[in-house]
Amino acid sequence: MYKEDGGECVRFLDFFSGIGGFRLGMEMAGHECVGHCEIDKYADKSYRAMHNVKEDEWYANDITGVEPGDLPETDCYCGGFPCQPFSIVGKRGGFEDTRGTLFFEVMRLVAVRKPKYLFLENVAGLLSHDGGKTFGTILDTLGELGYWYEYQVLNSKNFGVPQNRERVFIIGHLGEYDGKQAFPILRTSQKNGEEIKKKREKIRYSQCLTTRGAKSRLGADYTWIIQDGKLREMSPKEWFRLQGFTDEYFEKARQVNSDLQLYKQAGNSVTVNVIHEIAQRL
């Protein structure tokens, strides 16, 4: 399939989908989602409301129960596999943590179905976890399955949102190296800088949104903004904005979930703007 601009239209599966940051960024770049997988029932409610998921679209709630033959034919597997095992905020248990093995659940499916692309995301701390051994294992696994890979750490603050959020993005390409790369992406631009400057006039420059902030928001720097010379707590709508979602998408999620769930979902999401930038290069 090809897009109107002549580029390739990639059909993708959205694993660990959350509220669909990957999906929105990919669709904005002209790609097509054919299904998603999400175990959190509240996040899935927001996802379905926000993205108008069709009844016949493939879905699974638990990747550990998915068999390769269950998956629809597709070009790309996307997913921010759970980051808590590798985050400096968590205990950094890595692959010893049950959630850390979910990367291998994706690879179990990849080994059989061999999609053309893999598009993965995790915290920047993944690179240094266990002295780099964890990240090395991930890259070795991709290589053993027949993928050449590229990766880059990108910060959301350089893509039009006032949030300091560093994440590592990995692209796997099936087969031999063909000279076509998505990375490197320049981390700053005049346009992004101007957008951030405008938003700073109304919003204090934010630290990284996290689910820890969602559970105990009071007292955390990134939960407050200055308005009319006074501090007030950020709303869940503003958290969604910091992840690149429009107010239209937020309003759909708010119809089906509580503020507490919305804070959590925003904290867990990938930043749409960054996904979109990368997706245009697939």
C-alpha atoms as a PDB file:
ATOM      1  CA  MET A   1       0.000   0.000   0.000  1.00  0.00           C
ATOM      2  CA  TYR A   2       1.156   3.548  -0.738  1.00  0.00           C
ATOM      3  CA  LYS A   3       0.198   6.961   0.588  1.00  0.00           C
ATOM      4  CA  GLU A   4      -0.854   9.913  -1.536  1.00  0.00           C
ATOM      5  CA  ASP A   5       2.654  11.372  -1.291  1.00  0.00           C
ATOM      6  CA  GLY A   6       4.080   8.188  -2.780  1.00  0.00           C
ATOM      7  CA  GLY A   7       5.514   6.859   0.486  1.00  0.00           C
ATOM      8  CA  GLU A   8       4.727   3.457   1.888  1.00  0.00           C
ATOM      9  CA  CYS A   9       1.541   3.065   3.946  1.00  0.00           C
ATOM     10  CA  VAL A  10       2.535   0.770   6.783  1.00  0.00           C
ATOM     11  CA  ARG A  11      -0.139  -1.452   8.327  1.00  0.00           C
ATOM     12  CA  PHE A  12       0.684  -1.856  12.008  1.00  0.00           C
ATOM     13  CA  LEU A  13      -0.312  -3.557  15.238  1.00  0.00           C
ATOM     14  CA  ASP A  14      -0.367  -1.442  18.387  1.00  0.00           C
ATOM     15  CA  PHE A  15       0.985  -3.499  21.328  1.00  0.00           C
ATOM     16  CA  PHE A  16       0.866  -2.208  24.933  1.00  0.00           C
ATOM     17  CA  SER A  17      -1.324   0.416  23.340  1.00  0.00           C
ATOM     18  CA  GLY A  18      -2.363   2.461  26.374  1.00  0.00           C
ATOM     19  CA  ILE A  19      -4.428   5.358  25.056  1.00  0.00           C
ATOM     20  CA  GLY A  20      -2.973   5.152  21.568  1.00  0.00           C
ATOM     21  CA  GLY A  21      -0.054   7.561  21.360  1.00  0.00           C
ATOM     22  CA  PHE A  22       1.620   5.249  18.863  1.00  0.00           C
ATOM     23  CA  ARG A  23      -1.587   4.862  16.906  1.00  0.00           C
ATOM     24  CA  LEU A  24      -2.279   8.576  16.602  1.00  0.00           C
ATOM     25  CA  GLY A  25       1.283   9.446  15.624  1.00  0.00           C
ATOM     26  CA  MET A  26       1.405   6.657  13.046  1.00  0.00           C
ATOM     27  CA  GLU A  27      -2.001   7.526  11.580  1.00  0.00           C
ATOM     28  CA  MET A  28      -1.042  11.192  11.335  1.00  0.00           C
ATOM     29  CA  ALA A  29       1.828  10.018   9.116  1.00  0.00           C
ATOM     30  CA  GLY A  30      -0.592   8.127   6.852  1.00  0.00           C
ATOM     31  CA  HIS A  31      -0.172   4.615   8.270  1.00  0.00           C
ATOM     32  CA  GLU A  32      -3.002   2.202   9.097  1.00  0.00           C
ATOM     33  CA  CYS A  33      -3.733   0.475  12.409  1.00  0.00           C
ATOM     34  CA  VAL A  34      -5.148  -3.054  12.106  1.00  0.00           C
ATOM     35  CA  GLY A  35      -5.412  -3.921  15.798  1.00  0.00           C
ATOM     36  CA  HIS A  36      -4.238  -3.321  19.340  1.00  0.00           C
ATOM     37  CA  CYS A  37      -3.400  -5.089  22.589  1.00  0.00           C
ATOM     38  CA  GLU A  38      -3.907  -3.551  26.047  1.00  0.00           C
ATOM     39  CA  ILE A  39      -4.397  -5.242  29.408  1.00  0.00           C
ATOM     40  CA  ASP A  40      -5.582  -2.186  31.380  1.00  0.00           C
ATOM     41  CA  LYS A  41      -9.360  -2.080  30.964  1.00  0.00           C
ATOM     42  CA  TYR A  42      -9.563   1.632  31.773  1.00  0.00           C
ATOM     43  CA  ALA A  43      -6.888   2.571  29.246  1.00  0.00           C
ATOM     44  CA  ASP A  44      -8.653   0.417  26.679  1.00  0.00           C
ATOM     45  CA  LYS A  45     -11.919   2.272  27.315  1.00  0.00           C
ATOM     46  CA  SER A  46     -10.181   5.560  26.563  1.00  0.00           C
ATOM     47  CA  TYR A  47      -8.436   4.055  23.528  1.00  0.00           C
ATOM     48  CA  ARG A  48     -11.682   2.831  22.007  1.00  0.00           C
ATOM     49  CA  ALA A  49     -13.440   6.116  22.623  1.00  0.00           C
ATOM     50  CA  MET A  50     -10.594   8.241  21.303  1.00  0.00           C
ATOM     51  CA  HIS A  51      -9.853   6.258  18.147  1.00  0.00           C
ATOM     52  CA  ASN A  52     -13.327   5.060  17.176  1.00  0.00           C
ATOM     53  CA  VAL A  53     -12.174   1.439  17.078  1.00  0.00           C
ATOM     54  CA  LYS A  54     -14.228  -0.720  14.722  1.00  0.00           C
ATOM     55  CA  GLU A  55     -15.888  -3.865  16.029  1.00  0.00           C
ATOM     56  CA  ASP A  56     -14.011  -6.104  13.590  1.00  0.00           C
ATOM     57  CA  GLU A  57     -10.576  -4.690  14.445  1.00  0.00           C
ATOM     58  CA  TRP A  58      -8.220  -7.260  15.990  1.00  0.00           C
ATOM     59  CA  TYR A  59      -7.845  -6.980  19.765  1.00  0.00           C
ATOM     60  CA  ALA A  60      -6.271  -8.899  22.647  1.00  0.00           C
ATOM     61  CA  ASN A  61      -6.068  -7.875  26.276  1.00  0.00           C
ATOM     62  CA  ASP A  62      -3.057  -9.998  27.272  1.00  0.00           C
ATOM     63  CA  ILE A  63      -0.105 -10.523  24.974  1.00  0.00           C
ATOM     64  CA  THR A  64       1.002 -13.628  26.880  1.00  0.00           C
ATOM     65  CA  GLY A  65      -2.097 -15.429  25.614  1.00  0.00           C
ATOM     66  CA  VAL A  66      -1.664 -14.433  21.969  1.00  0.00           C
ATOM     67  CA  GLU A  67      -0.470 -17.070  19.521  1.00  0.00           C
ATOM     68  CA  PRO A  68       1.323 -16.085  16.295  1.00  0.00           C
ATOM     69  CA  GLY A  69      -1.514 -17.461  14.198  1.00  0.00           C
ATOM     70  CA  ASP A  70      -3.967 -15.158  15.976  1.00  0.00           C
ATOM     71  CA  LEU A  71      -2.380 -12.043  14.505  1.00  0.00           C
ATOM     72  CA  PRO A  72      -3.618 -10.337  11.344  1.00  0.00           C
ATOM     73  CA  GLU A  73      -1.262  -9.830   8.425  1.00  0.00           C
ATOM     74  CA  THR A  74       0.639  -6.599   8.972  1.00  0.00           C
ATOM     75  CA  ASP A  75       3.865  -4.729   8.196  1.00  0.00           C
ATOM     76  CA  CYS A  76       4.911  -3.381  11.576  1.00  0.00           C
ATOM     77  CA  TYR A  77       4.667  -4.136  15.294  1.00  0.00           C
ATOM     78  CA  CYS A  78       4.642  -0.999  17.444  1.00  0.00           C
ATOM     79  CA  GLY A  79       4.888  -0.815  21.190  1.00  0.00           C
ATOM     80  CA  GLY A  80       6.313   0.824  24.256  1.00  0.00           C
ATOM     81  CA  PHE A  81       6.928  -2.357  26.224  1.00  0.00           C
ATOM     82  CA  PRO A  82       6.471  -1.736  29.980  1.00  0.00           C
ATOM     83  CA  CYS A  83       9.219   0.557  31.207  1.00  0.00           C
ATOM     84  CA  GLN A  84       8.948   0.118  34.984  1.00  0.00           C
ATOM     85  CA  PRO A  85      11.597  -2.633  35.086  1.00  0.00           C
ATOM     86  CA  PHE A  86      14.151  -0.281  33.499  1.00  0.00           C
ATOM     87  CA  SER A  87      13.118   3.125  34.863  1.00  0.00           C
ATOM     88  CA  ILE A  88      15.160   5.055  37.410  1.00  0.00           C
ATOM     89  CA  VAL A  89      11.811   5.705  39.125  1.00  0.00           C
ATOM     90  CA  GLY A  90      11.226   1.987  39.658  1.00  0.00           C
ATOM     91  CA  LYS A  91      13.330  -0.768  41.190  1.00  0.00           C
ATOM     92  CA  ARG A  92      15.116  -1.427  37.877  1.00  0.00           C
ATOM     93  CA  GLY A  93      14.558  -5.165  38.073  1.00  0.00           C
ATOM     94  CA  GLY A  94      14.997  -5.548  34.331  1.00  0.00           C
ATOM     95  CA  PHE A  95      14.343  -8.970  32.890  1.00  0.00           C
ATOM     96  CA  GLU A  96      14.086 -10.409  36.404  1.00  0.00           C
ATOM     97  CA  ASP A  97      10.881  -8.412  36.741  1.00  0.00           C
ATOM     98  CA  THR A  98       7.902 -10.197  35.169  1.00  0.00           C
ATOM     99  CA  ARG A  99       7.012  -7.091  33.197  1.00  0.00           C
ATOM    100  CA  GLY A 100      10.500  -7.057  31.739  1.00  0.00           C
ATOM    101  CA  THR A 101       9.827 -10.346  29.999  1.00  0.00           C
ATOM    102  CA  LEU A 102       7.026  -8.787  27.953  1.00  0.00           C
ATOM    103  CA  PHE A 103       9.654  -7.694  25.450  1.00  0.00           C
ATOM    104  CA  PHE A 104      10.286 -11.385  24.810  1.00  0.00           C
ATOM    105  CA  GLU A 105       6.547 -11.970  24.403  1.00  0.00           C
ATOM    106  CA  VAL A 106       6.645  -9.603  21.458  1.00  0.00           C
ATOM    107  CA  MET A 107       9.746 -11.343  20.127  1.00  0.00           C
ATOM    108  CA  ARG A 108       7.979 -14.713  20.459  1.00  0.00           C
ATOM    109  CA  LEU A 109       5.406 -13.445  17.970  1.00  0.00           C
ATOM    110  CA  VAL A 110       7.995 -11.712  15.793  1.00  0.00           C
ATOM    111  CA  ALA A 111      10.002 -14.936  15.452  1.00  0.00           C
ATOM    112  CA  VAL A 112       7.106 -16.560  13.623  1.00  0.00           C
ATOM    113  CA  ARG A 113       5.335 -13.723  11.823  1.00  0.00           C
ATOM    114  CA  LYS A 114       8.406 -11.623  10.858  1.00  0.00           C
ATOM    115  CA  PRO A 115       6.838  -8.191  10.228  1.00  0.00           C
ATOM    116  CA  LYS A 116       8.853  -5.888   8.007  1.00  0.00           C
ATOM    117  CA  TYR A 117       9.378  -3.325  10.776  1.00  0.00           C
ATOM    118  CA  LEU A 118       9.541  -3.129  14.559  1.00  0.00           C
ATOM    119  CA  PHE A 119       8.976   0.232  16.222  1.00  0.00           C
ATOM    120  CA  LEU A 120       9.744   0.103  19.955  1.00  0.00           C
ATOM    121  CA  GLU A 121      10.004   2.619  22.797  1.00  0.00           C
ATOM    122  CA  ASN A 122      11.272   2.626  26.367  1.00  0.00           C
ATOM    123  CA  VAL A 123      12.842   4.852  29.004  1.00  0.00           C
ATOM    124  CA  ALA A 124      16.335   6.185  28.316  1.00  0.00           C
ATOM    125  CA  GLY A 125      17.510   4.331  31.426  1.00  0.00           C
ATOM    126  CA  LEU A 126      17.208   1.118  29.451  1.00  0.00           C
ATOM    127  CA  LEU A 127      20.553   1.893  27.795  1.00  0.00           C
ATOM    128  CA  SER A 128      22.455   1.916  31.081  1.00  0.00           C
ATOM    129  CA  HIS A 129      20.511  -0.785  32.941  1.00  0.00           C
ATOM    130  CA  ASP A 130      22.811  -3.507  34.298  1.00  0.00           C
ATOM    131  CA  GLY A 131      25.808  -1.809  32.762  1.00  0.00           C
ATOM    132  CA  GLY A 132      24.271  -1.890  29.291  1.00  0.00           C
ATOM    133  CA  LYS A 133      23.771  -5.662  29.305  1.00  0.00           C
ATOM    134  CA  THR A 134      19.965  -5.431  29.180  1.00  0.00           C
ATOM    135  CA  PHE A 135      19.977  -3.216  26.109  1.00  0.00           C
ATOM    136  CA  GLY A 136      22.637  -5.392  24.546  1.00  0.00           C
ATOM    137  CA  THR A 137      20.396  -8.421  25.025  1.00  0.00           C
ATOM    138  CA  ILE A 138      17.528  -6.611  23.320  1.00  0.00           C
ATOM    139  CA  LEU A 139      19.646  -5.675  20.320  1.00  0.00           C
ATOM    140  CA  ASP A 140      21.173  -9.165  20.129  1.00  0.00           C
ATOM    141  CA  THR A 141      17.667 -10.640  20.116  1.00  0.00           C
ATOM    142  CA  LEU A 142      16.654  -8.438  17.204  1.00  0.00           C
ATOM    143  CA  GLY A 143      19.755  -9.463  15.299  1.00  0.00           C
ATOM    144  CA  GLU A 144      19.167 -13.159  15.959  1.00  0.00           C
ATOM    145  CA  LEU A 145      15.643 -12.813  14.553  1.00  0.00           C
ATOM    146  CA  GLY A 146      16.959 -11.322  11.322  1.00  0.00           C
ATOM    147  CA  TYR A 147      16.562  -7.593  11.956  1.00  0.00           C
ATOM    148  CA  TRP A 148      19.092  -4.847  11.531  1.00  0.00           C
ATOM    149  CA  TYR A 149      18.338  -2.053  13.924  1.00  0.00           C
ATOM    150  CA  GLU A 150      18.848   1.598  14.693  1.00  0.00           C
ATOM    151  CA  TYR A 151      18.011   3.604  17.782  1.00  0.00           C
ATOM    152  CA  GLN A 152      18.091   7.110  19.190  1.00  0.00           C
ATOM    153  CA  VAL A 153      17.235   8.850  22.452  1.00  0.00           C
ATOM    154  CA  LEU A 154      14.784  11.690  21.783  1.00  0.00           C
ATOM    155  CA  ASN A 155      13.359  14.262  24.165  1.00  0.00           C
ATOM    156  CA  SER A 156       9.742  15.401  23.896  1.00  0.00           C
ATOM    157  CA  LYS A 157      10.765  18.994  24.644  1.00  0.00           C
ATOM    158  CA  ASN A 158      12.315  19.183  21.180  1.00  0.00           C
ATOM    159  CA  PHE A 159       9.081  18.248  19.416  1.00  0.00           C
ATOM    160  CA  GLY A 160       6.715  21.048  20.315  1.00  0.00           C
ATOM    161  CA  VAL A 161       5.602  20.108  23.834  1.00  0.00           C
ATOM    162  CA  PRO A 162       6.981  21.687  27.041  1.00  0.00           C
ATOM    163  CA  GLN A 163       7.882  18.430  28.735  1.00  0.00           C
ATOM    164  CA  ASN A 164      11.344  17.086  29.549  1.00  0.00           C
ATOM    165  CA  ARG A 165      10.822  13.443  28.584  1.00  0.00           C
ATOM    166  CA  GLU A 166      13.721  11.386  27.246  1.00  0.00           C
ATOM    167  CA  ARG A 167      12.925   8.046  25.647  1.00  0.00           C
ATOM    168  CA  VAL A 168      14.879   5.601  23.519  1.00  0.00           C
ATOM    169  CA  PHE A 169      13.248   4.604  20.229  1.00  0.00           C
ATOM    170  CA  ILE A 170      14.301   1.481  18.344  1.00  0.00           C
ATOM    171  CA  ILE A 171      13.509   0.635  14.738  1.00  0.00           C
ATOM    172  CA  GLY A 172      14.074  -2.913  13.553  1.00  0.00           C
ATOM    173  CA  HIS A 173      14.244  -3.643   9.803  1.00  0.00           C
ATOM    174  CA  LEU A 174      13.820  -7.187   8.547  1.00  0.00           C
ATOM    175  CA  GLY A 175      16.579  -8.460   6.267  1.00  0.00           C
ATOM    176  CA  GLU A 176      19.857  -6.967   5.131  1.00  0.00           C
ATOM    177  CA  TYR A 177      20.750  -3.320   5.622  1.00  0.00           C
ATOM    178  CA  ASP A 178      19.345  -1.336   2.692  1.00  0.00           C
ATOM    179  CA  GLY A 179      20.751   2.092   3.474  1.00  0.00           C
ATOM    180  CA  LYS A 180      17.380   3.584   4.444  1.00  0.00           C
ATOM    181  CA  GLN A 181      17.357   4.922   8.004  1.00  0.00           C
ATOM    182  CA  ALA A 182      14.888   6.759  10.216  1.00  0.00           C
ATOM    183  CA  PHE A 183      17.614   8.070  12.524  1.00  0.00           C
ATOM    184  CA  PRO A 184      19.298  10.321  13.367  1.00  0.00           C
ATOM    185  CA  ILE A 185      16.638  12.972  13.889  1.00  0.00           C
ATOM    186  CA  LEU A 186      17.877  16.447  14.786  1.00  0.00           C
ATOM    187  CA  ARG A 187      16.864  17.182  18.354  1.00  0.00           C
ATOM    188  CA  THR A 188      16.096  20.867  17.976  1.00  0.00           C
ATOM    189  CA  SER A 189      14.608  23.112  15.361  1.00  0.00           C
ATOM    190  CA  GLN A 190      13.682  26.765  15.179  1.00  0.00           C
ATOM    191  CA  LYS A 191      10.028  25.872  14.779  1.00  0.00           C
ATOM    192  CA  ASN A 192       9.915  23.590  17.799  1.00  0.00           C
ATOM    193  CA  GLY A 193      11.821  26.136  19.827  1.00  0.00           C
ATOM    194  CA  GLU A 194       9.285  28.849  19.021  1.00  0.00           C
ATOM    195  CA  GLU A 195       6.380  26.576  19.949  1.00  0.00           C
ATOM    196  CA  ILE A 196       7.955  25.777  23.299  1.00  0.00           C
ATOM    197  CA  LYS A 197       8.644  29.467  23.940  1.00  0.00           C
ATOM    198  CA  LYS A 198       4.973  30.308  23.382  1.00  0.00           C
ATOM    199  CA  LYS A 199       3.775  27.563  25.706  1.00  0.00           C
ATOM    200  CA  ARG A 200       6.225  28.590  28.408  1.00  0.00           C
ATOM    201  CA  GLU A 201       4.395  31.901  28.688  1.00  0.00           C
ATOM    202  CA  LYS A 202       1.453  30.037  30.194  1.00  0.00           C
ATOM    203  CA  ILE A 203       2.903  26.795  31.517  1.00  0.00           C
ATOM    204  CA  ARG A 204       5.891  26.184  33.769  1.00  0.00           C
ATOM    205  CA  TYR A 205       8.396  23.999  31.960  1.00  0.00           C
ATOM    206  CA  SER A 206       7.334  20.514  32.958  1.00  0.00           C
ATOM    207  CA  GLN A 207       9.325  17.609  34.277  1.00  0.00           C
ATOM    208  CA  CYS A 208       8.505  14.172  32.912  1.00  0.00           C
ATOM    209  CA  LEU A 209       4.929  13.044  33.467  1.00  0.00           C
ATOM    210  CA  THR A 210       4.805   9.769  35.373  1.00  0.00           C
ATOM    211  CA  THR A 211       2.227   7.432  36.833  1.00  0.00           C
ATOM    212  CA  ARG A 212       3.786   8.139  40.237  1.00  0.00           C
ATOM    213  CA  GLY A 213       2.624  11.705  39.768  1.00  0.00           C
ATOM    214  CA  ALA A 214      -0.834  10.416  38.922  1.00  0.00           C
ATOM    215  CA  LYS A 215      -1.079   8.561  42.226  1.00  0.00           C
ATOM    216  CA  SER A 216       0.297  11.307  44.461  1.00  0.00           C
ATOM    217  CA  ARG A 217       0.097  14.527  42.497  1.00  0.00           C
ATOM    218  CA  LEU A 218       0.309  17.112  45.283  1.00  0.00           C
ATOM    219  CA  GLY A 219       3.753  18.569  45.796  1.00  0.00           C
ATOM    220  CA  ALA A 220       5.243  17.360  42.511  1.00  0.00           C
ATOM    221  CA  ASP A 221       6.674  20.197  40.397  1.00  0.00           C
ATOM    222  CA  TYR A 222       5.231  18.892  37.166  1.00  0.00           C
ATOM    223  CA  THR A 223       1.643  19.008  38.454  1.00  0.00           C
ATOM    224  CA  TRP A 224       1.474  22.787  38.832  1.00  0.00           C
ATOM    225  CA  ILE A 225       1.187  25.725  36.456  1.00  0.00           C
ATOM    226  CA  ILE A 226       1.297  29.470  36.998  1.00  0.00           C
ATOM    227  CA  GLN A 227      -1.902  31.300  36.073  1.00  0.00           C
ATOM    228  CA  ASP A 228      -2.561  34.953  36.847  1.00  0.00           C
ATOM    229  CA  GLY A 229       0.434  34.915  39.147  1.00  0.00           C
ATOM    230  CA  LYS A 230      -0.871  31.998  41.197  1.00  0.00           C
ATOM    231  CA  LEU A 231      -0.048  28.299  41.332  1.00  0.00           C
ATOM    232  CA  ARG A 232      -2.729  25.780  40.533  1.00  0.00           C
ATOM    233  CA  GLU A 233      -2.721  22.062  39.911  1.00  0.00           C
ATOM    234  CA  MET A 234      -2.595  20.955  36.295  1.00  0.00           C
ATOM    235  CA  SER A 235      -5.745  19.389  34.920  1.00  0.00           C
ATOM    236  CA  PRO A 236      -5.782  15.998  33.178  1.00  0.00           C
ATOM    237  CA  LYS A 237      -6.568  17.861  29.954  1.00  0.00           C
ATOM    238  CA  GLU A 238      -3.263  19.727  30.292  1.00  0.00           C
ATOM    239  CA  TRP A 239      -1.446  16.435  30.871  1.00  0.00           C
ATOM    240  CA  PHE A 240      -2.948  15.116  27.637  1.00  0.00           C
ATOM    241  CA  ARG A 241      -1.775  18.256  25.859  1.00  0.00           C
ATOM    242  CA  LEU A 242       1.768  17.691  27.134  1.00  0.00           C
ATOM    243  CA  GLN A 243       1.691  14.312  25.404  1.00  0.00           C
ATOM    244  CA  GLY A 244       0.550  15.831  22.104  1.00  0.00           C
ATOM    245  CA  PHE A 245      -3.135  14.891  22.221  1.00  0.00           C
ATOM    246  CA  THR A 246      -5.690  17.453  21.073  1.00  0.00           C
ATOM    247  CA  ASP A 247      -8.520  18.525  23.348  1.00  0.00           C
ATOM    248  CA  GLU A 248     -10.912  16.619  21.079  1.00  0.00           C
ATOM    249  CA  TYR A 249      -9.189  13.355  21.924  1.00  0.00           C
ATOM    250  CA  PHE A 250      -9.133  14.229  25.617  1.00  0.00           C
ATOM    251  CA  GLU A 251     -12.854  14.986  25.704  1.00  0.00           C
ATOM    252  CA  LYS A 252     -13.602  11.557  24.264  1.00  0.00           C
ATOM    253  CA  ALA A 253     -11.503   9.898  26.969  1.00  0.00           C
ATOM    254  CA  ARG A 254     -13.096  11.990  29.697  1.00  0.00           C
ATOM    255  CA  GLN A 255     -16.510  10.643  28.736  1.00  0.00           C
ATOM    256  CA  VAL A 256     -15.481   7.136  29.802  1.00  0.00           C
ATOM    257  CA  ASN A 257     -12.910   7.580  32.602  1.00  0.00           C
ATOM    258  CA  SER A 258     -12.249   9.340  35.901  1.00  0.00           C
ATOM    259  CA  ASP A 259      -9.655  12.092  36.329  1.00  0.00           C
ATOM    260  CA  LEU A 260      -7.410   9.718  38.287  1.00  0.00           C
ATOM    261  CA  GLN A 261      -7.371   7.243  35.398  1.00  0.00           C
ATOM    262  CA  LEU A 262      -6.797  10.061  32.894  1.00  0.00           C
ATOM    263  CA  TYR A 263      -3.747  11.311  34.805  1.00  0.00           C
ATOM    264  CA  LYS A 264      -2.372   7.768  34.900  1.00  0.00           C
ATOM    265  CA  GLN A 265      -3.035   7.220  31.211  1.00  0.00           C
ATOM    266  CA  ALA A 266      -1.317  10.452  30.198  1.00  0.00           C
ATOM    267  CA  GLY A 267       1.692   9.581  32.347  1.00  0.00           C
ATOM    268  CA  ASN A 268       1.992   6.173  30.703  1.00  0.00           C
ATOM    269  CA  SER A 269       1.586   7.428  27.137  1.00  0.00           C
ATOM    270  CA  VAL A 270       4.195   8.071  24.496  1.00  0.00           C
ATOM    271  CA  THR A 271       4.360  11.616  23.137  1.00  0.00           C
ATOM    272  CA  VAL A 272       2.368  11.746  19.910  1.00  0.00           C
ATOM    273  CA  ASN A 273       4.579  14.409  18.319  1.00  0.00           C
ATOM    274  CA  VAL A 274       7.691  12.250  18.612  1.00  0.00           C
ATOM    275  CA  ILE A 275       5.960   9.166  17.221  1.00  0.00           C
ATOM    276  CA  HIS A 276       4.662  11.206  14.299  1.00  0.00           C
ATOM    277  CA  GLU A 277       8.131  12.520  13.461  1.00  0.00           C
ATOM    278  CA  ILE A 278       9.597   9.008  13.407  1.00  0.00           C
ATOM    279  CA  ALA A 279       6.597   7.504  11.617  1.00  0.00           C
ATOM    280  CA  GLN A 280       7.080   9.857   8.679  1.00  0.00           C
ATOM    281  CA  ARG A 281      10.486   8.244   8.132  1.00  0.00           C
ATOM    282  CA  LEU A 282       9.350   4.613   8.030  1.00  0.00           C
END
